[in-house]
Protein backbone atom coordinates (compact mmCIF):
# COMPACT_ATOMS: atom_id res chain seq x y z
CA MET A 1 -244.88 125.75 -49.22
CA THR A 2 -241.48 123.98 -48.38
CA TYR A 3 -242.18 121.45 -45.73
CA GLY A 4 -242.30 117.54 -46.71
CA VAL A 5 -240.51 114.94 -48.97
CA HIS A 6 -241.20 112.87 -51.93
CA GLY A 7 -243.85 110.44 -50.83
CA SER A 8 -245.47 112.94 -48.02
CA ARG A 9 -248.77 114.74 -48.18
CA PRO A 10 -249.00 118.01 -47.13
CA GLY A 11 -252.37 119.46 -45.21
CA ARG A 12 -252.99 116.75 -42.58
CA LEU A 13 -249.32 115.37 -42.31
CA ALA A 14 -247.88 118.84 -42.22
CA MET A 15 -249.86 119.81 -39.16
CA VAL A 16 -248.71 116.42 -37.27
CA VAL A 17 -245.31 117.34 -38.51
CA VAL A 18 -245.85 120.83 -37.02
CA ALA A 19 -247.33 119.74 -34.07
CA ILE A 20 -244.52 117.60 -33.10
CA SER A 21 -241.77 119.88 -33.95
CA LEU A 22 -242.98 122.35 -31.25
CA VAL A 23 -242.26 119.51 -28.46
CA PHE A 24 -239.52 117.82 -30.16
CA SER A 25 -236.54 118.47 -32.18
CA LEU A 26 -233.45 116.58 -33.56
CA SER A 27 -230.20 117.34 -32.74
CA GLY A 28 -228.49 119.59 -34.32
CA PHE A 29 -230.09 120.96 -37.72
CA ARG A 30 -231.89 118.18 -38.58
CA SER A 31 -235.82 118.41 -38.64
CA VAL A 32 -238.81 116.32 -37.77
CA GLU A 33 -239.36 116.03 -41.50
CA SER A 34 -236.52 113.62 -41.91
CA LEU A 35 -238.31 111.24 -40.17
CA PHE A 36 -240.39 110.90 -43.24
CA ALA A 37 -238.10 110.83 -45.74
CA PRO A 38 -238.24 107.13 -48.00
CA SER A 39 -235.19 104.78 -46.59
CA ALA A 40 -233.10 103.04 -48.78
CA ASP A 41 -234.59 99.22 -49.11
CA LEU A 42 -233.21 97.19 -51.35
CA TRP A 43 -235.36 95.51 -53.94
CA PRO A 44 -232.73 92.28 -54.61
CA ARG A 45 -234.10 91.57 -57.86
CA TRP A 46 -232.64 94.39 -59.49
CA GLN A 47 -228.53 93.55 -58.19
CA ALA A 48 -227.77 91.18 -60.84
CA HIS A 49 -225.55 92.67 -63.75
CA ASP A 50 -222.96 92.03 -65.89
CA GLU A 51 -219.73 93.27 -66.16
CA THR A 52 -218.29 91.31 -69.16
CA ASN A 53 -220.89 92.98 -71.20
CA PRO A 54 -219.32 95.75 -73.17
CA ALA A 55 -222.60 97.27 -74.51
CA THR A 56 -223.35 100.80 -74.04
CA ILE A 57 -227.10 101.94 -74.10
CA ASP A 58 -227.83 105.01 -76.84
CA TYR A 59 -229.71 108.18 -74.98
CA ALA A 60 -229.06 110.41 -78.25
CA ASP A 61 -232.77 110.87 -78.33
CA TRP A 62 -232.81 111.66 -74.75
CA GLY A 63 -230.09 114.00 -75.52
CA ASP A 64 -232.00 115.63 -78.75
CA PHE A 65 -235.17 116.35 -76.28
CA LEU A 66 -232.71 117.97 -73.85
CA SER A 67 -231.36 120.26 -76.30
CA ARG A 68 -234.54 121.40 -77.56
CA HIS A 69 -236.28 122.21 -74.45
CA LEU A 70 -233.88 122.66 -71.00
CA GLN A 71 -232.51 126.61 -70.60
CA THR A 72 -230.29 127.30 -68.51
CA THR A 73 -231.10 130.50 -67.02
CA PRO A 74 -228.71 133.37 -65.43
CA SER A 75 -229.18 132.74 -62.17
CA GLY A 76 -227.86 129.09 -63.00
CA VAL A 77 -231.39 127.26 -62.92
CA ASN A 78 -231.69 124.70 -65.22
CA VAL A 79 -235.47 124.82 -66.32
CA ILE A 80 -237.97 123.16 -68.88
CA ASP A 81 -240.64 125.38 -70.82
CA TYR A 82 -243.10 122.77 -70.66
CA GLY A 83 -246.19 124.63 -71.91
CA ALA A 84 -243.89 125.25 -75.15
CA VAL A 85 -243.00 121.39 -75.38
CA THR A 86 -244.86 120.58 -78.77
CA GLN A 87 -247.19 117.26 -79.42
CA GLU A 88 -244.41 115.84 -81.60
CA ASP A 89 -241.65 116.38 -79.00
CA ARG A 90 -243.88 114.62 -76.49
CA ALA A 91 -244.48 111.55 -78.92
CA ALA A 92 -240.54 111.55 -79.13
CA LEU A 93 -240.35 111.64 -75.30
CA ALA A 94 -242.95 108.71 -75.02
CA ALA A 95 -241.05 106.54 -77.54
CA LEU A 96 -237.43 107.22 -75.90
CA ILE A 97 -238.90 105.84 -72.21
CA ALA A 98 -240.83 103.15 -73.97
CA ARG A 99 -237.61 102.32 -75.87
CA LEU A 100 -235.34 102.42 -72.43
CA GLU A 101 -238.54 100.09 -70.52
CA ALA A 102 -237.65 97.68 -73.14
CA VAL A 103 -233.83 97.46 -72.45
CA PRO A 104 -232.76 93.98 -70.28
CA ILE A 105 -230.97 96.01 -67.96
CA SER A 106 -229.84 93.50 -65.71
CA THR A 107 -227.56 92.07 -68.21
CA TYR A 108 -225.52 95.38 -68.46
CA SER A 109 -222.42 96.42 -66.50
CA ARG A 110 -222.94 98.44 -63.22
CA GLU A 111 -221.80 101.72 -64.82
CA GLU A 112 -224.17 101.19 -67.87
CA GLN A 113 -227.04 100.28 -65.40
CA LEU A 114 -226.26 103.19 -63.26
CA ALA A 115 -226.62 105.83 -66.14
CA TYR A 116 -229.82 104.08 -67.45
CA TRP A 117 -231.63 104.44 -63.95
CA ILE A 118 -230.80 107.76 -63.91
CA ASN A 119 -231.69 108.84 -67.11
CA LEU A 120 -234.75 106.74 -67.01
CA TYR A 121 -235.56 108.61 -63.59
CA ASN A 122 -235.31 111.90 -65.19
CA ALA A 123 -237.16 111.44 -68.50
CA ALA A 124 -240.01 109.80 -66.69
CA THR A 125 -240.08 112.53 -64.45
CA VAL A 126 -240.26 115.37 -67.24
CA GLN A 127 -242.97 113.04 -69.11
CA VAL A 128 -245.36 113.08 -65.59
CA VAL A 129 -245.12 116.76 -65.53
CA LEU A 130 -245.94 117.08 -69.20
CA ASP A 131 -249.06 114.91 -68.96
CA HIS A 132 -250.82 117.28 -66.01
CA TYR A 133 -249.30 120.51 -66.80
CA PRO A 134 -250.13 123.32 -65.89
CA VAL A 135 -248.99 122.91 -62.35
CA GLU A 136 -247.20 125.14 -59.85
CA THR A 137 -245.27 122.19 -58.55
CA ILE A 138 -244.79 118.55 -58.91
CA ARG A 139 -246.59 117.73 -55.43
CA ASP A 140 -249.71 119.23 -57.34
CA ILE A 141 -249.57 115.74 -59.44
CA ASP A 142 -251.26 114.05 -56.41
CA ILE A 143 -251.71 110.46 -58.16
CA SER A 144 -249.60 108.33 -55.98
CA GLY A 145 -252.70 107.17 -54.00
CA GLY A 146 -252.45 106.39 -49.88
CA LEU A 147 -253.48 108.67 -47.13
CA PHE A 148 -249.97 110.48 -46.40
CA SER A 149 -249.14 110.34 -50.06
CA ASP A 150 -248.59 113.45 -52.40
CA GLY A 151 -246.72 113.66 -56.07
CA PRO A 152 -246.38 110.86 -58.70
CA TRP A 153 -243.49 109.44 -57.14
CA ASP A 154 -245.43 106.16 -55.71
CA ALA A 155 -247.57 105.95 -58.92
CA GLU A 156 -246.84 102.69 -61.09
CA LEU A 157 -245.63 104.48 -64.10
CA LEU A 158 -242.88 102.16 -65.96
CA THR A 159 -242.27 98.38 -66.30
CA VAL A 160 -238.99 97.04 -66.66
CA GLU A 161 -238.19 93.83 -67.44
CA GLY A 162 -241.77 92.89 -66.93
CA GLU A 163 -241.94 94.60 -63.18
CA THR A 164 -244.06 97.57 -62.37
CA LEU A 165 -241.90 100.55 -61.24
CA THR A 166 -242.74 103.83 -59.59
CA LEU A 167 -240.25 106.74 -59.20
CA ASN A 168 -239.97 105.95 -55.75
CA ASP A 169 -238.59 102.55 -56.56
CA ILE A 170 -235.95 103.55 -59.18
CA GLU A 171 -234.33 106.22 -56.40
CA HIS A 172 -234.92 104.31 -53.06
CA ARG A 173 -234.97 100.99 -53.71
CA ILE A 174 -232.50 100.34 -56.28
CA LEU A 175 -230.41 103.47 -56.80
CA ARG A 176 -229.51 104.29 -53.44
CA PRO A 177 -229.12 101.04 -51.81
CA ILE A 178 -227.41 99.11 -54.89
CA TRP A 179 -224.66 102.24 -55.44
CA MET A 180 -224.78 103.61 -51.54
CA ASP A 181 -223.57 107.01 -53.28
CA PRO A 182 -224.75 110.43 -52.27
CA ARG A 183 -224.27 111.79 -55.36
CA ILE A 184 -227.14 110.06 -56.60
CA HIS A 185 -228.92 112.98 -55.02
CA TYR A 186 -227.26 115.29 -57.21
CA ALA A 187 -228.13 113.22 -60.30
CA VAL A 188 -231.86 112.53 -60.07
CA ASN A 189 -234.08 115.42 -60.98
CA CYS A 190 -237.65 116.28 -59.12
CA ALA A 191 -238.76 119.04 -61.36
CA SER A 192 -238.02 121.85 -58.76
CA ILE A 193 -236.26 124.80 -58.38
CA GLY A 194 -235.03 123.76 -55.08
CA CYS A 195 -233.53 120.41 -56.70
CA PRO A 196 -230.32 120.26 -58.70
CA ASN A 197 -230.14 121.08 -61.80
CA LEU A 198 -231.82 118.35 -64.88
CA ARG A 199 -228.61 118.23 -66.64
CA PRO A 200 -228.22 119.22 -70.30
CA GLU A 201 -226.97 116.10 -71.24
CA PRO A 202 -227.79 112.12 -71.11
CA PHE A 203 -225.54 110.35 -68.18
CA ARG A 204 -223.23 107.82 -69.69
CA GLY A 205 -222.11 104.36 -68.32
CA GLU A 206 -217.92 105.63 -69.38
CA THR A 207 -218.67 109.17 -67.93
CA VAL A 208 -221.23 108.61 -65.16
CA GLU A 209 -218.45 108.77 -62.45
CA ALA A 210 -216.87 112.39 -63.41
CA VAL A 211 -220.62 113.87 -64.15
CA LEU A 212 -221.67 112.83 -60.66
CA ASP A 213 -218.67 114.70 -59.24
CA GLN A 214 -219.47 117.83 -61.29
CA ALA A 215 -222.98 117.60 -60.39
CA ALA A 216 -221.80 117.48 -56.76
CA ARG A 217 -219.66 120.77 -57.52
CA ASP A 218 -222.24 122.50 -58.81
CA TYR A 219 -224.95 122.26 -56.54
CA LEU A 220 -223.10 123.20 -53.68
CA SER A 221 -221.18 126.25 -55.65
CA ASP A 222 -225.03 127.31 -55.83
CA PRO A 223 -227.23 129.11 -52.81
CA ARG A 224 -229.71 126.10 -53.80
CA GLY A 225 -227.33 123.68 -52.31
CA LEU A 226 -225.55 125.70 -49.79
CA LYS A 227 -225.35 129.46 -48.79
CA ILE A 228 -223.44 131.52 -45.94
CA ASP A 229 -225.39 133.93 -44.39
CA MET A 230 -223.97 135.85 -41.41
CA ASP A 231 -221.71 133.25 -40.88
CA ARG A 232 -224.39 130.70 -41.00
CA ILE A 233 -224.58 127.86 -42.75
CA ILE A 234 -227.76 127.01 -44.81
CA VAL A 235 -227.82 124.03 -46.87
CA SER A 236 -230.72 122.27 -48.79
CA LYS A 237 -233.26 119.98 -47.16
CA ILE A 238 -231.81 117.45 -48.69
CA TYR A 239 -229.14 116.67 -46.35
CA ASP A 240 -231.44 116.56 -43.68
CA TRP A 241 -234.26 114.14 -45.47
CA PHE A 242 -231.17 112.15 -46.51
CA PHE A 243 -228.52 112.79 -43.84
CA GLU A 244 -227.77 108.97 -43.54
CA ASP A 245 -226.89 108.98 -47.33
CA PHE A 246 -224.32 111.69 -46.36
CA SER A 247 -222.78 110.65 -43.35
CA LYS A 248 -221.66 106.83 -43.66
CA GLN A 249 -219.07 105.49 -41.47
CA ASP A 250 -216.74 107.81 -40.28
CA MET A 251 -217.61 110.92 -42.65
CA ARG A 252 -219.47 114.16 -41.15
CA LEU A 253 -222.45 115.97 -43.42
CA LEU A 254 -219.25 118.70 -43.30
CA ASP A 255 -216.73 116.31 -44.44
CA HIS A 256 -219.41 115.52 -47.65
CA LEU A 257 -219.94 119.07 -48.15
CA THR A 258 -216.10 120.38 -48.46
CA LEU A 259 -214.97 117.66 -50.63
CA TYR A 260 -217.46 119.81 -53.39
CA VAL A 261 -218.23 123.24 -52.27
CA ASP A 262 -216.34 126.01 -53.74
CA PRO A 263 -212.72 126.20 -53.08
CA ALA A 264 -213.07 129.92 -51.66
CA LEU A 265 -215.49 128.39 -49.07
CA VAL A 266 -214.00 125.20 -47.74
CA ASP A 267 -211.91 127.29 -44.81
CA GLN A 268 -214.83 129.56 -43.68
CA VAL A 269 -216.99 126.07 -43.74
CA ASN A 270 -214.60 124.45 -41.68
CA ARG A 271 -214.26 127.48 -39.36
CA ILE A 272 -217.85 127.62 -38.86
CA GLY A 273 -218.20 124.01 -38.40
CA GLU A 274 -222.00 123.20 -38.18
CA VAL A 275 -225.27 123.56 -40.13
CA HIS A 276 -227.48 126.10 -38.94
CA GLY A 277 -230.59 125.30 -41.00
CA THR A 278 -232.20 124.31 -44.13
CA HIS A 279 -234.33 125.84 -47.20
CA TYR A 280 -236.03 124.30 -50.53
CA ASP A 281 -237.80 125.36 -53.62
CA TRP A 282 -240.68 123.13 -54.60
CA GLN A 283 -241.90 125.40 -57.28
CA LEU A 284 -241.79 123.69 -60.55
CA ASN A 285 -238.50 124.31 -62.70
CA SER A 286 -240.23 126.09 -65.23
CA PRO A 287 -239.31 129.69 -66.54
CA LYS A 288 -242.44 131.36 -64.81
CA TYR A 289 -241.23 129.80 -61.21
CA LEU A 290 -237.78 130.87 -61.10
CA PRO A 291 -237.30 132.94 -58.21
CA GLU A 292 -236.23 136.13 -60.43
CA THR A 293 -239.49 136.09 -62.42
CA ARG A 294 -241.94 135.34 -60.15
CA THR A 295 -243.98 137.44 -57.89
CA GLU A 296 -244.78 136.05 -54.45
């Protein structure tokens, strides 16, 4: 099942989308699905920051969890064997999230805040999967409520500076509108095979810019991000759902792609000159659901 985006429910909504698709299409490779993608909607309360604060945030405990449980596979997909995570490590994950929730993040610099929100989002995503495992896809964790919602993205999972937060709040009301950086999409992980990899090291303020660049290169060097099939460019649905993030001002989507795609493919991408289709794999980022190991 590949239709849908964060915060949309398969089933009734999917049938509506399919029906609309039969009679209506957007320009180029854009799909009707993109109409249901969350927009960047600034929550002004989180704009506060202090560039004079030299303090950094310690993520050693998050790094320890990742070193224990994140696996890099021969296919290049990073996975977590959720079923093998011990109760002790679950407790350690809960403790590190609680510690991060207690950080007065509004008093930190912008680069520290950027790393913080990404790490908190990713750790909370792992925790919510563990809390509901076994599931085949994160979208089966249907705790958001609302007629057209699925997955955990609209559930209130966190409390920071007295504010209750959802995963969608962090991604679409804090990260995207404050930083306005399309590389955000390479950093936040939605626990799916088709998503950019959960990285093996925590994000840190002093290196966040370089790591975001590397995350973009890694994804666009992988068929999950971009592949060329018989002179047709196929990209991740992420570029459809959040097209506006990748095509701001005078930059076209292809301009963004060629900044990070494998250099050996740049000329070919420019020659083809357009995107022809999209794909995405919602299966859980678990060894059980790797394309090379699962049976359809």
